[in-house]
Amino acid sequence: MTFKTIERITGYHAHIYFDADSEADAQAVRDTIDARFEVTLGRWHRGRSGRIRAGCIRCYLRPNCSPVSSPGWL
């Protein structure tokens, strides 16, 4: 297996999963990420999306926003 150097990473993405009971919490997490970082907020799915059976919010982050470079980022 050949590993690439970390400098080649161009970004990260996160999925925030929720159900009907936790949708407000997922919204709060999304809003916190949006307020703290330069992110692109992705699509919001309230139901099944492909293999994902729960609701899902997608967030796309730049490399300098990773948990490795920003401990405690959430």
PDB file of N, CA and C in Angstrom:
ATOM      1  N   MET A   1       0.848  -1.169   0.000  1.00  0.00           N
ATOM      2  CA  MET A   1       0.000   0.000   0.000  1.00  0.00           C
ATOM      3  C   MET A   1       0.899   1.239   0.000  1.00  0.00           C
ATOM      4  N   THR A   2       0.540   2.203  -0.817  1.00  0.00           N
ATOM      5  CA  THR A   2       1.281   3.453  -0.881  1.00  0.00           C
ATOM      6  C   THR A   2       0.453   4.552  -0.227  1.00  0.00           C
ATOM      7  N   PHE A   3       1.046   5.252   0.722  1.00  0.00           N
ATOM      8  CA  PHE A   3       0.360   6.332   1.406  1.00  0.00           C
ATOM      9  C   PHE A   3       0.746   7.663   0.784  1.00  0.00           C
ATOM     10  N   LYS A   4      -0.199   8.568   0.710  1.00  0.00           N
ATOM     11  CA  LYS A   4       0.058   9.912   0.209  1.00  0.00           C
ATOM     12  C   LYS A   4       0.426  10.808   1.389  1.00  0.00           C
ATOM     13  N   THR A   5       1.158  11.862   1.107  1.00  0.00           N
ATOM     14  CA  THR A   5       1.521  12.787   2.169  1.00  0.00           C
ATOM     15  C   THR A   5       0.311  13.646   2.537  1.00  0.00           C
ATOM     16  N   ILE A   6       0.277  14.104   3.758  1.00  0.00           N
ATOM     17  CA  ILE A   6      -0.856  14.873   4.245  1.00  0.00           C
ATOM     18  C   ILE A   6      -1.032  16.184   3.476  1.00  0.00           C
ATOM     19  N   GLU A   7       0.026  16.704   2.899  1.00  0.00           N
ATOM     20  CA  GLU A   7      -0.065  17.939   2.129  1.00  0.00           C
ATOM     21  C   GLU A   7      -0.954  17.794   0.898  1.00  0.00           C
ATOM     22  N   ARG A   8      -1.204  16.585   0.467  1.00  0.00           N
ATOM     23  CA  ARG A   8      -2.038  16.356  -0.721  1.00  0.00           C
ATOM     24  C   ARG A   8      -3.531  16.351  -0.400  1.00  0.00           C
ATOM     25  N   ILE A   9      -3.863  16.406   0.867  1.00  0.00           N
ATOM     26  CA  ILE A   9      -5.270  16.436   1.247  1.00  0.00           C
ATOM     27  C   ILE A   9      -5.829  17.811   0.888  1.00  0.00           C
ATOM     28  N   THR A  10      -6.910  17.826   0.138  1.00  0.00           N
ATOM     29  CA  THR A  10      -7.493  19.094  -0.311  1.00  0.00           C
ATOM     30  C   THR A  10      -8.712  19.501   0.491  1.00  0.00           C
ATOM     31  N   GLY A  11      -9.172  18.658   1.386  1.00  0.00           N
ATOM     32  CA  GLY A  11     -10.314  19.007   2.220  1.00  0.00           C
ATOM     33  C   GLY A  11     -10.891  17.783   2.892  1.00  0.00           C
ATOM     34  N   TYR A  12     -11.850  18.050   3.749  1.00  0.00           N
ATOM     35  CA  TYR A  12     -12.544  17.010   4.493  1.00  0.00           C
ATOM     36  C   TYR A  12     -14.037  17.221   4.331  1.00  0.00           C
ATOM     37  N   HIS A  13     -14.785  16.196   4.617  1.00  0.00           N
ATOM     38  CA  HIS A  13     -16.227  16.395   4.703  1.00  0.00           C
ATOM     39  C   HIS A  13     -16.750  15.617   5.898  1.00  0.00           C
ATOM     40  N   ALA A  14     -17.862  16.104   6.408  1.00  0.00           N
ATOM     41  CA  ALA A  14     -18.488  15.475   7.562  1.00  0.00           C
ATOM     42  C   ALA A  14     -19.958  15.268   7.262  1.00  0.00           C
ATOM     43  N   HIS A  15     -20.488  14.187   7.773  1.00  0.00           N
ATOM     44  CA  HIS A  15     -21.919  13.928   7.694  1.00  0.00           C
ATOM     45  C   HIS A  15     -22.470  14.051   9.104  1.00  0.00           C
ATOM     46  N   ILE A  16     -23.547  14.773   9.250  1.00  0.00           N
ATOM     47  CA  ILE A  16     -24.239  14.881  10.527  1.00  0.00           C
ATOM     48  C   ILE A  16     -25.548  14.119  10.363  1.00  0.00           C
ATOM     49  N   TYR A  17     -25.665  13.005  11.048  1.00  0.00           N
ATOM     50  CA  TYR A  17     -26.859  12.171  10.918  1.00  0.00           C
ATOM     51  C   TYR A  17     -27.870  12.527  12.005  1.00  0.00           C
ATOM     52  N   PHE A  18     -29.140  12.428  11.674  1.00  0.00           N
ATOM     53  CA  PHE A  18     -30.184  12.745  12.640  1.00  0.00           C
ATOM     54  C   PHE A  18     -31.462  11.986  12.307  1.00  0.00           C
ATOM     55  N   ASP A  19     -32.326  11.922  13.302  1.00  0.00           N
ATOM     56  CA  ASP A  19     -33.679  11.400  13.092  1.00  0.00           C
ATOM     57  C   ASP A  19     -34.646  12.506  13.502  1.00  0.00           C
ATOM     58  N   ALA A  20     -35.926  12.211  13.497  1.00  0.00           N
ATOM     59  CA  ALA A  20     -36.922  13.237  13.810  1.00  0.00           C
ATOM     60  C   ALA A  20     -36.706  13.832  15.200  1.00  0.00           C
ATOM     61  N   ASP A  21     -36.255  13.013  16.142  1.00  0.00           N
ATOM     62  CA  ASP A  21     -36.059  13.488  17.512  1.00  0.00           C
ATOM     63  C   ASP A  21     -34.793  14.324  17.695  1.00  0.00           C
ATOM     64  N   SER A  22     -33.828  14.182  16.804  1.00  0.00           N
ATOM     65  CA  SER A  22     -32.554  14.888  16.975  1.00  0.00           C
ATOM     66  C   SER A  22     -32.279  15.918  15.876  1.00  0.00           C
ATOM     67  N   GLU A  23     -33.257  16.210  15.037  1.00  0.00           N
ATOM     68  CA  GLU A  23     -33.034  17.158  13.939  1.00  0.00           C
ATOM     69  C   GLU A  23     -32.634  18.540  14.451  1.00  0.00           C
ATOM     70  N   ALA A  24     -33.248  19.023  15.521  1.00  0.00           N
ATOM     71  CA  ALA A  24     -32.886  20.340  16.066  1.00  0.00           C
ATOM     72  C   ALA A  24     -31.446  20.351  16.556  1.00  0.00           C
ATOM     73  N   ASP A  25     -30.996  19.246  17.159  1.00  0.00           N
ATOM     74  CA  ASP A  25     -29.599  19.149  17.593  1.00  0.00           C
ATOM     75  C   ASP A  25     -28.658  19.162  16.394  1.00  0.00           C
ATOM     76  N   ALA A  26     -29.025  18.459  15.341  1.00  0.00           N
ATOM     77  CA  ALA A  26     -28.204  18.442  14.121  1.00  0.00           C
ATOM     78  C   ALA A  26     -28.110  19.845  13.533  1.00  0.00           C
ATOM     79  N   GLN A  27     -29.209  20.584  13.550  1.00  0.00           N
ATOM     80  CA  GLN A  27     -29.208  21.970  13.066  1.00  0.00           C
ATOM     81  C   GLN A  27     -28.251  22.826  13.896  1.00  0.00           C
ATOM     82  N   ALA A  28     -28.237  22.615  15.218  1.00  0.00           N
ATOM     83  CA  ALA A  28     -27.338  23.375  16.091  1.00  0.00           C
ATOM     84  C   ALA A  28     -25.873  23.062  15.787  1.00  0.00           C
ATOM     85  N   VAL A  29     -25.561  21.790  15.543  1.00  0.00           N
ATOM     86  CA  VAL A  29     -24.189  21.409  15.190  1.00  0.00           C
ATOM     87  C   VAL A  29     -23.804  22.057  13.860  1.00  0.00           C
ATOM     88  N   ARG A  30     -24.689  21.993  12.882  1.00  0.00           N
ATOM     89  CA  ARG A  30     -24.441  22.605  11.572  1.00  0.00           C
ATOM     90  C   ARG A  30     -24.192  24.100  11.716  1.00  0.00           C
ATOM     91  N   ASP A  31     -25.015  24.775  12.504  1.00  0.00           N
ATOM     92  CA  ASP A  31     -24.866  26.221  12.699  1.00  0.00           C
ATOM     93  C   ASP A  31     -23.553  26.561  13.397  1.00  0.00           C
ATOM     94  N   THR A  32     -23.134  25.718  14.357  1.00  0.00           N
ATOM     95  CA  THR A  32     -21.861  25.932  15.051  1.00  0.00           C
ATOM     96  C   THR A  32     -20.690  25.785  14.090  1.00  0.00           C
ATOM     97  N   ILE A  33     -20.719  24.755  13.262  1.00  0.00           N
ATOM     98  CA  ILE A  33     -19.653  24.567  12.272  1.00  0.00           C
ATOM     99  C   ILE A  33     -19.617  25.751  11.321  1.00  0.00           C
ATOM    100  N   ASP A  34     -20.771  26.195  10.869  1.00  0.00           N
ATOM    101  CA  ASP A  34     -20.851  27.322   9.939  1.00  0.00           C
ATOM    102  C   ASP A  34     -20.295  28.598  10.562  1.00  0.00           C
ATOM    103  N   ALA A  35     -20.550  28.819  11.849  1.00  0.00           N
ATOM    104  CA  ALA A  35     -20.093  30.028  12.524  1.00  0.00           C
ATOM    105  C   ALA A  35     -18.594  30.015  12.812  1.00  0.00           C
ATOM    106  N   ARG A  36     -18.017  28.841  13.029  1.00  0.00           N
ATOM    107  CA  ARG A  36     -16.622  28.754  13.456  1.00  0.00           C
ATOM    108  C   ARG A  36     -15.615  28.579  12.321  1.00  0.00           C
ATOM    109  N   PHE A  37     -16.060  28.068  11.180  1.00  0.00           N
ATOM    110  CA  PHE A  37     -15.116  27.700  10.135  1.00  0.00           C
ATOM    111  C   PHE A  37     -15.573  28.176   8.767  1.00  0.00           C
ATOM    112  N   GLU A  38     -14.609  28.252   7.874  1.00  0.00           N
ATOM    113  CA  GLU A  38     -14.928  28.495   6.472  1.00  0.00           C
ATOM    114  C   GLU A  38     -15.327  27.152   5.886  1.00  0.00           C
ATOM    115  N   VAL A  39     -16.619  26.952   5.736  1.00  0.00           N
ATOM    116  CA  VAL A  39     -17.133  25.678   5.249  1.00  0.00           C
ATOM    117  C   VAL A  39     -18.092  25.916   4.102  1.00  0.00           C
ATOM    118  N   THR A  40     -18.309  24.872   3.366  1.00  0.00           N
ATOM    119  CA  THR A  40     -19.389  24.842   2.391  1.00  0.00           C
ATOM    120  C   THR A  40     -20.413  23.874   2.950  1.00  0.00           C
ATOM    121  N   LEU A  41     -21.593  24.370   3.194  1.00  0.00           N
ATOM    122  CA  LEU A  41     -22.638  23.508   3.731  1.00  0.00           C
ATOM    123  C   LEU A  41     -23.305  22.780   2.579  1.00  0.00           C
ATOM    124  N   GLY A  42     -23.356  21.479   2.715  1.00  0.00           N
ATOM    125  CA  GLY A  42     -23.911  20.653   1.654  1.00  0.00           C
ATOM    126  C   GLY A  42     -25.400  20.458   1.789  1.00  0.00           C
ATOM    127  N   ARG A  43     -25.872  19.497   1.074  1.00  0.00           N
ATOM    128  CA  ARG A  43     -27.307  19.218   1.022  1.00  0.00           C
ATOM    129  C   ARG A  43     -27.834  18.698   2.352  1.00  0.00           C
ATOM    130  N   TRP A  44     -29.104  18.952   2.573  1.00  0.00           N
ATOM    131  CA  TRP A  44     -29.807  18.524   3.780  1.00  0.00           C
ATOM    132  C   TRP A  44     -30.822  17.490   3.338  1.00  0.00           C
ATOM    133  N   HIS A  45     -30.681  16.278   3.843  1.00  0.00           N
ATOM    134  CA  HIS A  45     -31.606  15.201   3.495  1.00  0.00           C
ATOM    135  C   HIS A  45     -32.430  14.836   4.722  1.00  0.00           C
ATOM    136  N   ARG A  46     -33.726  14.881   4.590  1.00  0.00           N
ATOM    137  CA  ARG A  46     -34.608  14.496   5.693  1.00  0.00           C
ATOM    138  C   ARG A  46     -35.220  13.128   5.389  1.00  0.00           C
ATOM    139  N   GLY A  47     -34.409  12.162   5.279  1.00  0.00           N
ATOM    140  CA  GLY A  47     -34.897  10.822   4.972  1.00  0.00           C
ATOM    141  C   GLY A  47     -33.828  10.045   4.249  1.00  0.00           C
ATOM    142  N   ARG A  48     -34.198   8.950   3.720  1.00  0.00           N
ATOM    143  CA  ARG A  48     -33.243   8.070   3.054  1.00  0.00           C
ATOM    144  C   ARG A  48     -32.600   8.754   1.861  1.00  0.00           C
ATOM    145  N   SER A  49     -31.285   8.594   1.777  1.00  0.00           N
ATOM    146  CA  SER A  49     -30.505   9.100   0.651  1.00  0.00           C
ATOM    147  C   SER A  49     -29.489   8.030   0.290  1.00  0.00           C
ATOM    148  N   GLY A  50     -29.782   7.290  -0.738  1.00  0.00           N
ATOM    149  CA  GLY A  50     -28.895   6.185  -1.095  1.00  0.00           C
ATOM    150  C   GLY A  50     -28.882   5.142   0.002  1.00  0.00           C
ATOM    151  N   ARG A  51     -27.685   4.800   0.472  1.00  0.00           N
ATOM    152  CA  ARG A  51     -27.542   3.796   1.525  1.00  0.00           C
ATOM    153  C   ARG A  51     -27.828   4.346   2.915  1.00  0.00           C
ATOM    154  N   ILE A  52     -27.904   5.664   3.041  1.00  0.00           N
ATOM    155  CA  ILE A  52     -28.103   6.290   4.338  1.00  0.00           C
ATOM    156  C   ILE A  52     -29.586   6.291   4.671  1.00  0.00           C
ATOM    157  N   ARG A  53     -29.939   5.684   5.786  1.00  0.00           N
ATOM    158  CA  ARG A  53     -31.345   5.553   6.158  1.00  0.00           C
ATOM    159  C   ARG A  53     -31.827   6.660   7.092  1.00  0.00           C
ATOM    160  N   ALA A  54     -30.930   7.453   7.611  1.00  0.00           N
ATOM    161  CA  ALA A  54     -31.295   8.544   8.516  1.00  0.00           C
ATOM    162  C   ALA A  54     -31.205   9.866   7.761  1.00  0.00           C
ATOM    163  N   GLY A  55     -31.695  10.924   8.394  1.00  0.00           N
ATOM    164  CA  GLY A  55     -31.480  12.247   7.843  1.00  0.00           C
ATOM    165  C   GLY A  55     -29.994  12.572   7.880  1.00  0.00           C
ATOM    166  N   CYS A  56     -29.541  13.432   7.007  1.00  0.00           N
ATOM    167  CA  CYS A  56     -28.113  13.706   6.905  1.00  0.00           C
ATOM    168  C   CYS A  56     -27.878  15.136   6.417  1.00  0.00           C
ATOM    169  N   ILE A  57     -26.936  15.800   7.055  1.00  0.00           N
ATOM    170  CA  ILE A  57     -26.458  17.104   6.609  1.00  0.00           C
ATOM    171  C   ILE A  57     -24.995  16.916   6.238  1.00  0.00           C
ATOM    172  N   ARG A  58     -24.572  17.489   5.138  1.00  0.00           N
ATOM    173  CA  ARG A  58     -23.178  17.377   4.711  1.00  0.00           C
ATOM    174  C   ARG A  58     -22.488  18.719   4.865  1.00  0.00           C
ATOM    175  N   CYS A  59     -21.243  18.669   5.334  1.00  0.00           N
ATOM    176  CA  CYS A  59     -20.413  19.863   5.484  1.00  0.00           C
ATOM    177  C   CYS A  59     -19.057  19.569   4.869  1.00  0.00           C
ATOM    178  N   TYR A  60     -18.549  20.512   4.089  1.00  0.00           N
ATOM    179  CA  TYR A  60     -17.248  20.367   3.443  1.00  0.00           C
ATOM    180  C   TYR A  60     -16.297  21.382   4.050  1.00  0.00           C
ATOM    181  N   LEU A  61     -15.151  20.887   4.562  1.00  0.00           N
ATOM    182  CA  LEU A  61     -14.202  21.727   5.275  1.00  0.00           C
ATOM    183  C   LEU A  61     -12.867  21.769   4.559  1.00  0.00           C
ATOM    184  N   ARG A  62     -12.169  22.868   4.715  1.00  0.00           N
ATOM    185  CA  ARG A  62     -10.813  22.995   4.160  1.00  0.00           C
ATOM    186  C   ARG A  62      -9.840  22.212   5.034  1.00  0.00           C
ATOM    187  N   PRO A  63      -8.659  21.895   4.520  1.00  0.00           N
ATOM    188  CA  PRO A  63      -7.709  21.082   5.298  1.00  0.00           C
ATOM    189  C   PRO A  63      -7.349  21.687   6.650  1.00  0.00           C
ATOM    190  N   ASN A  64      -7.288  23.013   6.759  1.00  0.00           N
ATOM    191  CA  ASN A  64      -6.912  23.624   8.034  1.00  0.00           C
ATOM    192  C   ASN A  64      -8.042  23.586   9.058  1.00  0.00           C
ATOM    193  N   CYS A  65      -9.182  23.015   8.714  1.00  0.00           N
ATOM    194  CA  CYS A  65     -10.314  22.888   9.639  1.00  0.00           C
ATOM    195  C   CYS A  65     -10.458  21.477  10.170  1.00  0.00           C
ATOM    196  N   SER A  66      -9.467  20.644   9.952  1.00  0.00           N
ATOM    197  CA  SER A  66      -9.593  19.249  10.360  1.00  0.00           C
ATOM    198  C   SER A  66      -9.486  19.105  11.872  1.00  0.00           C
ATOM    199  N   PRO A  67     -10.030  18.027  12.422  1.00  0.00           N
ATOM    200  CA  PRO A  67      -9.871  17.774  13.857  1.00  0.00           C
ATOM    201  C   PRO A  67      -8.411  17.654  14.262  1.00  0.00           C
ATOM    202  N   VAL A  68      -7.545  17.275  13.316  1.00  0.00           N
ATOM    203  CA  VAL A  68      -6.118  17.143  13.622  1.00  0.00           C
ATOM    204  C   VAL A  68      -5.496  18.520  13.862  1.00  0.00           C
ATOM    205  N   SER A  69      -5.849  19.491  13.013  1.00  0.00           N
ATOM    206  CA  SER A  69      -5.250  20.824  13.156  1.00  0.00           C
ATOM    207  C   SER A  69      -6.064  21.741  14.046  1.00  0.00           C
ATOM    208  N   SER A  70      -7.300  21.357  14.373  1.00  0.00           N
ATOM    209  CA  SER A  70      -8.173  22.166  15.235  1.00  0.00           C
ATOM    210  C   SER A  70      -8.793  21.301  16.323  1.00  0.00           C
ATOM    211  N   PRO A  71      -7.982  20.890  17.315  1.00  0.00           N
ATOM    212  CA  PRO A  71      -8.536  20.026  18.356  1.00  0.00           C
ATOM    213  C   PRO A  71      -9.762  20.663  19.004  1.00  0.00           C
ATOM    214  N   GLY A  72     -10.733  19.854  19.270  1.00  0.00           N
ATOM    215  CA  GLY A  72     -11.942  20.354  19.896  1.00  0.00           C
ATOM    216  C   GLY A  72     -12.783  21.200  18.947  1.00  0.00           C
ATOM    217  N   TRP A  73     -12.681  20.956  17.656  1.00  0.00           N
ATOM    218  CA  TRP A  73     -13.341  21.810  16.658  1.00  0.00           C
ATOM    219  C   TRP A  73     -14.843  21.830  16.781  1.00  0.00           C
ATOM    220  N   LEU A  74     -15.427  20.855  17.409  1.00  0.00           N
ATOM    221  CA  LEU A  74     -16.870  20.906  17.657  1.00  0.00           C
ATOM    222  C   LEU A  74     -17.100  21.251  19.104  1.00  0.00           C
TER     223      LEU A  74
END
